[in-house]
C-alpha atoms as a PDB file:
ATOM      1  CA  GLY A   1      -5.595  -6.731  -7.954  1.00  0.00           C
ATOM      2  CA  ALA A   2      -3.549  -7.266 -11.049  1.00  0.00           C
ATOM      3  CA  GLY A   3      -5.887  -5.076 -13.092  1.00  0.00           C
ATOM      4  CA  CYS A   4      -4.603  -1.829 -11.550  1.00  0.00           C
ATOM      5  CA  TYR A   5      -1.513   0.271 -12.043  1.00  0.00           C
ATOM      6  CA  ALA A   6      -0.643   3.827 -11.022  1.00  0.00           C
ATOM      7  CA  ASN A   7       2.392   6.071 -11.483  1.00  0.00           C
ATOM      8  CA  ASN A   8       2.105   9.766 -10.665  1.00  0.00           C
ATOM      9  CA  ALA A   9       4.440  10.619 -13.547  1.00  0.00           C
ATOM     10  CA  SER A  10       2.325   8.978 -16.234  1.00  0.00           C
ATOM     11  CA  VAL A  11      -1.013   7.239 -15.742  1.00  0.00           C
ATOM     12  CA  ALA A  12      -3.422   5.443 -13.371  1.00  0.00           C
ATOM     13  CA  VAL A  13      -5.412   2.529 -14.781  1.00  0.00           C
ATOM     14  CA  SER A  14      -8.183   0.311 -13.373  1.00  0.00           C
ATOM     15  CA  CYS A  15      -9.423  -2.637 -15.470  1.00  0.00           C
ATOM     16  CA  THR A  16     -12.495  -4.804 -15.448  1.00  0.00           C
ATOM     17  CA  GLY A  17     -13.426  -7.847 -17.464  1.00  0.00           C
ATOM     18  CA  THR A  18     -11.832 -11.220 -18.171  1.00  0.00           C
ATOM     19  CA  GLY A  19      -9.398 -11.064 -15.302  1.00  0.00           C
ATOM     20  CA  GLU A  20      -7.000 -13.778 -16.370  1.00  0.00           C
ATOM     21  CA  VAL A  21      -6.457 -12.091 -19.727  1.00  0.00           C
ATOM     22  CA  PHE A  22      -5.855  -8.719 -18.069  1.00  0.00           C
ATOM     23  CA  ILE A  23      -3.291 -10.493 -15.876  1.00  0.00           C
ATOM     24  CA  ARG A  24      -1.603 -12.339 -18.763  1.00  0.00           C
ATOM     25  CA  THR A  25      -1.251  -9.134 -20.805  1.00  0.00           C
ATOM     26  CA  LEU A  26      -0.281  -6.917 -17.844  1.00  0.00           C
ATOM     27  CA  ALA A  27      -2.929  -4.590 -19.412  1.00  0.00           C
ATOM     28  CA  ALA A  28      -2.748  -1.743 -16.916  1.00  0.00           C
ATOM     29  CA  TYR A  29       1.031  -1.591 -16.881  1.00  0.00           C
ATOM     30  CA  ASP A  30       1.222  -2.097 -20.645  1.00  0.00           C
ATOM     31  CA  ILE A  31      -0.666   1.163 -21.126  1.00  0.00           C
ATOM     32  CA  ALA A  32       1.877   3.020 -19.029  1.00  0.00           C
ATOM     33  CA  ALA A  33       4.764   1.392 -20.906  1.00  0.00           C
ATOM     34  CA  LEU A  34       3.218   2.215 -24.330  1.00  0.00           C
ATOM     35  CA  MET A  35       2.927   5.821 -23.232  1.00  0.00           C
ATOM     36  CA  GLU A  36       6.364   6.087 -21.659  1.00  0.00           C
ATOM     37  CA  TYR A  37       8.514   3.983 -24.038  1.00  0.00           C
ATOM     38  CA  GLY A  38       6.359   4.073 -27.194  1.00  0.00           C
ATOM     39  CA  GLY A  39       5.315   7.678 -27.104  1.00  0.00           C
ATOM     40  CA  LEU A  40       1.639   6.873 -27.503  1.00  0.00           C
ATOM     41  CA  SER A  41      -1.075   9.122 -26.201  1.00  0.00           C
ATOM     42  CA  LEU A  42      -3.339   7.941 -23.404  1.00  0.00           C
ATOM     43  CA  ALA A  43      -6.183   7.282 -25.873  1.00  0.00           C
ATOM     44  CA  ASP A  44      -3.977   5.408 -28.391  1.00  0.00           C
ATOM     45  CA  ALA A  45      -2.325   3.235 -25.738  1.00  0.00           C
ATOM     46  CA  CYS A  46      -5.709   2.303 -24.180  1.00  0.00           C
ATOM     47  CA  GLU A  47      -7.251   1.521 -27.569  1.00  0.00           C
ATOM     48  CA  ARG A  48      -4.334  -0.692 -28.553  1.00  0.00           C
ATOM     49  CA  VAL A  49      -4.576  -2.759 -25.385  1.00  0.00           C
ATOM     50  CA  VAL A  50      -8.335  -3.043 -25.161  1.00  0.00           C
ATOM     51  CA  MET A  51      -9.184  -3.416 -28.849  1.00  0.00           C
ATOM     52  CA  GLU A  52      -6.154  -5.424 -30.052  1.00  0.00           C
ATOM     53  CA  LYS A  53      -4.236  -7.194 -27.282  1.00  0.00           C
ATOM     54  CA  LEU A  54      -7.107  -8.373 -25.064  1.00  0.00           C
ATOM     55  CA  PRO A  55      -9.278  -9.843 -27.875  1.00  0.00           C
ATOM     56  CA  ALA A  56      -6.232 -11.621 -29.292  1.00  0.00           C
ATOM     57  CA  LEU A  57      -6.263 -13.801 -26.148  1.00  0.00           C
ATOM     58  CA  GLY A  58     -10.102 -14.041 -25.951  1.00  0.00           C
ATOM     59  CA  GLY A  59     -10.452 -11.270 -23.384  1.00  0.00           C
ATOM     60  CA  SER A  60     -13.294  -8.769 -23.045  1.00  0.00           C
ATOM     61  CA  GLY A  61     -13.849  -5.832 -20.792  1.00  0.00           C
ATOM     62  CA  GLY A  62     -12.589  -2.304 -20.410  1.00  0.00           C
ATOM     63  CA  LEU A  63     -10.819   0.186 -18.238  1.00  0.00           C
ATOM     64  CA  ILE A  64     -10.702   3.637 -16.833  1.00  0.00           C
ATOM     65  CA  ALA A  65      -7.413   5.482 -17.225  1.00  0.00           C
ATOM     66  CA  VAL A  66      -6.363   8.985 -16.185  1.00  0.00           C
ATOM     67  CA  ASP A  67      -3.016  10.457 -17.224  1.00  0.00           C
ATOM     68  CA  HIS A  68      -0.898  12.950 -15.289  1.00  0.00           C
ATOM     69  CA  GLU A  69      -2.581  15.863 -17.130  1.00  0.00           C
ATOM     70  CA  GLY A  70      -6.099  14.776 -16.173  1.00  0.00           C
ATOM     71  CA  ASN A  71      -7.088  13.301 -19.523  1.00  0.00           C
ATOM     72  CA  VAL A  72      -9.495  10.348 -19.256  1.00  0.00           C
ATOM     73  CA  ALA A  73      -9.882   7.289 -21.450  1.00  0.00           C
ATOM     74  CA  LEU A  74     -12.640   4.677 -20.984  1.00  0.00           C
ATOM     75  CA  PRO A  75     -12.376   2.136 -23.801  1.00  0.00           C
ATOM     76  CA  PHE A  76     -14.212  -1.200 -23.693  1.00  0.00           C
ATOM     77  CA  ASN A  77     -14.633  -4.073 -26.133  1.00  0.00           C
ATOM     78  CA  SER A  78     -17.667  -5.583 -24.451  1.00  0.00           C
ATOM     79  CA  GLU A  79     -21.332  -4.723 -25.106  1.00  0.00           C
ATOM     80  CA  GLY A  80     -21.282  -2.157 -22.332  1.00  0.00           C
ATOM     81  CA  MET A  81     -19.335  -0.976 -19.288  1.00  0.00           C
ATOM     82  CA  TYR A  82     -20.693   0.964 -16.367  1.00  0.00           C
ATOM     83  CA  ARG A  83     -18.540   4.034 -15.942  1.00  0.00           C
ATOM     84  CA  ALA A  84     -18.506   7.549 -14.566  1.00  0.00           C
ATOM     85  CA  TRP A  85     -16.040  10.427 -14.475  1.00  0.00           C
ATOM     86  CA  GLY A  86     -15.960  14.076 -13.717  1.00  0.00           C
ATOM     87  CA  TYR A  87     -13.870  17.110 -13.004  1.00  0.00           C
ATOM     88  CA  ALA A  88     -14.112  19.535 -10.099  1.00  0.00           C
ATOM     89  CA  GLY A  89     -16.937  21.986 -10.673  1.00  0.00           C
ATOM     90  CA  ASP A  90     -18.529  20.020 -13.542  1.00  0.00           C
ATOM     91  CA  THR A  91     -21.525  17.692 -13.616  1.00  0.00           C
ATOM     92  CA  PRO A  92     -20.350  14.054 -13.555  1.00  0.00           C
ATOM     93  CA  THR A  93     -20.680  12.080 -16.810  1.00  0.00           C
ATOM     94  CA  THR A  94     -21.972   8.530 -16.738  1.00  0.00           C
ATOM     95  CA  GLY A  95     -22.390   5.799 -19.321  1.00  0.00           C
ATOM     96  CA  ILE A  96     -23.209   2.140 -19.857  1.00  0.00           C
ATOM     97  CA  TYR A  97     -23.241   1.543 -23.628  1.00  0.00           C
ATOM     98  CA  ARG A  98     -21.442   3.232 -26.474  1.00  0.00           C
ATOM     99  CA  GLU A  99     -22.820   6.695 -27.060  1.00  0.00           C
END
């Protein structure tokens, strides 16, 4: 769907939440553009989109993003978001609410 974007050179993003707002903001692609053209880190780009751009249009939800170095960001502006992530050889990490 429109809530996903991936580019091997930068980042892969998968979004969930108020779909029409994610589509209107091109949220997944916007994160890649903020990183590539704006020089933002993965965490900063994700926070800007999820905590500023989505709420400005009444959107709620979150996303899972992984950059080309394996860094993970999982921001959400809703009460909770089911999520899990892990690295080879490590125990997977899971979450629902803010820790």
